[in-house]
Protein backbone atom coordinates (compact mmCIF):
# COMPACT_ATOMS: atom_id res chain seq x y z
CA UNK A 1 128.26 122.81 96.32
CA UNK A 2 125.93 121.59 98.30
CA UNK A 3 121.91 120.00 98.42
CA UNK A 4 119.79 120.26 101.41
CA UNK A 5 116.86 117.98 101.25
CA UNK A 6 113.65 118.11 103.31
CA UNK A 7 110.94 115.11 104.62
CA UNK A 8 107.93 116.49 104.60
CA UNK A 9 106.66 113.20 105.58
CA UNK A 10 106.42 111.93 109.09
CA UNK A 11 106.84 108.63 107.82
CA UNK A 12 110.87 109.01 108.46
CA UNK A 13 111.67 106.22 106.74
CA UNK A 14 108.54 106.06 104.35
CA UNK A 15 108.35 106.20 100.74
CA UNK A 16 108.92 109.73 100.21
CA UNK A 17 112.18 109.52 101.93
CA UNK A 18 113.20 106.01 99.71
CA UNK A 19 112.44 108.94 96.64
CA UNK A 20 114.43 111.33 98.12
CA UNK A 21 117.61 109.22 98.72
CA UNK A 22 117.17 108.33 95.30
CA UNK A 23 117.54 111.51 93.70
CA UNK A 24 120.39 112.30 96.38
CA UNK A 25 122.28 109.39 95.24
CA UNK A 26 122.84 110.95 91.80
CA UNK A 27 123.89 114.47 93.02
CA UNK A 28 126.49 112.49 95.32
CA UNK A 29 127.84 111.12 92.53
CA UNK A 30 128.89 114.26 91.04
CA UNK A 31 130.66 115.02 94.37
CA UNK A 32 127.93 117.11 95.66
CA UNK A 33 127.23 117.41 99.38
CA UNK A 34 123.81 116.22 100.78
CA UNK A 35 121.74 116.58 103.72
CA UNK A 36 118.47 115.38 104.40
CA UNK A 37 116.39 117.51 107.03
CA UNK A 38 113.55 115.56 108.73
CA UNK A 39 110.51 117.98 108.60
CA UNK A 40 107.56 115.58 108.74
CA UNK A 41 106.47 115.14 112.19
CA UNK A 42 108.58 117.88 113.46
CA UNK A 43 106.86 121.04 115.38
CA UNK A 44 106.84 123.61 112.80
CA UNK A 45 103.67 126.33 112.41
CA UNK A 46 101.87 127.62 109.59
CA UNK A 47 102.85 131.35 108.91
CA UNK A 48 101.29 134.35 110.99
CA UNK A 49 101.51 137.16 108.81
CA UNK A 50 103.08 139.52 111.10
CA UNK A 51 105.31 140.63 108.25
CA UNK A 52 107.89 140.81 110.90
CA UNK A 53 110.20 139.92 108.37
CA UNK A 54 109.71 142.28 105.92
CA UNK A 55 111.03 145.05 108.91
CA UNK A 56 114.01 143.07 110.41
CA UNK A 57 115.16 141.84 106.75
CA UNK A 58 117.76 139.87 109.07
CA UNK A 59 116.73 136.59 106.92
CA UNK A 60 114.98 134.75 109.98
CA UNK A 61 111.68 134.28 110.40
CA UNK A 62 110.33 136.68 113.77
CA UNK A 63 108.54 133.41 115.05
CA UNK A 64 111.23 131.48 116.61
CA UNK A 65 109.78 128.58 119.10
CA UNK A 66 109.96 125.77 116.42
CA UNK A 67 112.83 124.98 113.79
CA UNK A 68 111.86 127.43 110.80
CA UNK A 69 114.76 129.26 110.99
CA UNK A 70 117.07 126.59 111.02
CA UNK A 71 115.29 125.22 107.98
CA UNK A 72 115.82 128.66 106.55
CA UNK A 73 119.38 129.16 107.49
CA UNK A 74 120.30 125.37 105.87
CA UNK A 75 118.36 126.72 102.39
CA UNK A 76 120.42 130.07 102.07
CA UNK A 77 123.48 128.47 102.88
CA UNK A 78 122.86 125.63 100.17
CA UNK A 79 123.19 125.50 96.37
CA UNK A 80 119.89 123.42 95.42
CA UNK A 81 116.96 122.89 97.95
CA UNK A 82 114.55 119.72 97.16
CA UNK A 83 111.56 119.38 98.81
CA UNK A 84 109.68 116.01 99.31
CA UNK A 85 106.34 115.45 100.11
CA UNK A 86 103.69 112.78 100.56
CA UNK A 87 100.49 114.01 98.25
CA UNK A 88 97.77 114.44 101.33
CA UNK A 89 94.26 115.25 99.54
CA UNK A 90 96.14 116.32 96.43
CA UNK A 91 98.78 118.54 98.17
CA UNK A 92 101.76 118.36 100.20
CA UNK A 93 102.23 117.62 103.99
CA UNK A 94 101.51 120.58 106.29
CA UNK A 95 104.96 120.63 107.56
CA UNK A 96 106.08 121.23 104.29
CA UNK A 97 103.33 123.57 103.29
CA UNK A 98 104.39 125.63 106.37
CA UNK A 99 107.98 125.56 105.51
CA UNK A 100 107.29 126.90 102.23
CA UNK A 101 104.81 129.75 103.51
CA UNK A 102 107.67 131.08 105.64
CA UNK A 103 110.42 130.30 104.18
CA UNK A 104 109.03 131.97 101.21
CA UNK A 105 108.32 135.21 102.84
CA UNK A 106 111.63 135.54 104.75
CA UNK A 107 113.09 135.05 100.88
CA UNK A 108 111.21 137.59 99.63
CA UNK A 109 111.72 139.95 102.50
CA UNK A 110 115.20 139.41 101.97
CA UNK A 111 115.14 140.12 98.27
CA UNK A 112 114.36 137.09 97.23
CA UNK A 113 117.43 135.16 98.83
CA UNK A 114 116.93 131.81 97.54
CA UNK A 115 117.58 133.38 93.69
CA UNK A 116 119.12 131.18 91.05
CA UNK A 117 119.16 128.35 93.42
CA UNK A 118 118.57 124.85 91.96
CA UNK A 119 115.04 123.63 93.25
CA UNK A 120 112.97 120.18 92.92
CA UNK A 121 109.82 118.50 94.03
CA UNK A 122 109.74 115.21 94.96
CA UNK A 123 106.31 113.86 95.49
CA UNK A 124 105.09 110.30 97.04
CA UNK A 125 101.60 109.09 96.03
CA UNK A 126 99.12 106.14 96.72
CA UNK A 127 97.32 106.96 93.32
CA UNK A 128 96.42 110.10 92.52
CA UNK A 129 97.04 113.69 93.23
CA UNK A 130 100.62 114.28 92.80
CA UNK A 131 100.97 116.60 89.97
CA UNK A 132 99.22 118.82 91.91
CA UNK A 133 101.29 118.69 95.06
CA UNK A 134 104.34 118.81 92.48
CA UNK A 135 102.42 122.08 90.96
CA UNK A 136 102.70 123.56 94.62
CA UNK A 137 105.69 122.51 95.42
CA UNK A 138 107.45 124.01 92.49
CA UNK A 139 105.41 127.52 92.93
CA UNK A 140 107.73 128.02 95.71
CA UNK A 141 110.64 127.46 93.72
CA UNK A 142 108.92 129.88 90.65
CA UNK A 143 108.07 132.81 92.76
CA UNK A 144 111.69 132.59 94.76
CA UNK A 145 113.11 132.89 91.47
CA UNK A 146 114.69 129.46 91.53
CA UNK A 147 115.77 127.29 88.77
CA UNK A 148 113.96 123.85 88.12
CA UNK A 149 115.57 121.21 86.08
CA UNK A 150 113.21 118.74 84.32
CA UNK A 151 113.21 114.99 84.51
CA UNK A 152 111.93 112.07 81.98
CA UNK A 153 108.58 112.23 84.00
CA UNK A 154 106.96 114.00 86.67
CA UNK A 155 108.51 113.74 89.76
CA UNK A 156 106.73 111.44 91.89
CA UNK A 157 106.85 107.20 92.97
CA UNK A 158 103.30 105.33 93.76
CA UNK A 159 103.51 103.61 96.37
CA UNK A 160 101.78 103.12 99.41
CA UNK A 161 103.23 100.81 102.20
CA UNK A 162 106.83 101.42 103.08
CA UNK A 163 108.90 100.80 100.26
CA UNK A 164 106.61 100.22 97.58
CA UNK A 165 108.02 103.17 95.71
CA UNK A 166 110.86 101.23 95.05
CA UNK A 167 109.31 98.78 93.04
CA UNK A 168 107.83 101.36 90.68
CA UNK A 169 110.36 101.33 88.14
CA UNK A 170 109.53 104.02 86.05
CA UNK A 171 109.18 106.00 89.12
CA UNK A 172 112.73 105.44 90.46
CA UNK A 173 114.26 105.97 87.01
CA UNK A 174 113.03 109.57 86.90
CA UNK A 175 114.34 110.41 90.66
CA UNK A 176 117.81 109.68 89.15
CA UNK A 177 117.13 111.62 86.06
CA UNK A 178 116.23 114.13 88.17
CA UNK A 179 119.27 113.91 90.77
CA UNK A 180 121.56 113.80 87.05
CA UNK A 181 120.12 116.67 86.09
CA UNK A 182 120.05 118.53 88.98
CA UNK A 183 123.63 117.84 89.41
CA UNK A 184 124.48 119.26 85.94
CA UNK A 185 121.89 122.27 86.55
CA UNK A 186 123.81 123.07 89.71
CA UNK A 187 127.21 122.66 88.29
CA UNK A 188 126.28 125.27 85.36
CA UNK A 189 125.33 127.63 87.75
CA UNK A 190 128.10 127.95 89.68
CA UNK A 191 130.05 128.09 86.52
């Protein structure tokens, strides 16, 4: 089993990655392989609504000039998908939004290709807007017929400067619980 995590923050080693690593550490303890894909700050464009994915039905986006198809292939091969983002104006980063829009459409065009995979959101926030960001990410999972594990609180960690989320004790506990619950769910789905 494996989980692919996407860091939607342009800060490669910022608070979002810290939260993602906290979740993945728990998953790894259960013998599940993990991978982090740095998405933020990389070239990925939004959907152009060409709907070629519905014509081609080849599990790929017709736009080949960025990293999207590499990401979709990793999502397709994974048993679990973790999407992490900082909170930008009460929503996810533009890079993560591009992934959600395009991968979601490719999945729909291919009979909901992520159906019954485990999916979870991880959100870093300075103060407010994180719940809306988490909800926006979760909409990707639910419309794709994925299964979302719960945690002990909303999947967010509070901090502005690099590393500050590590001092958010409740946020860290929430991520640890999320990791354990995601591993448990994945094992149940595989049974």
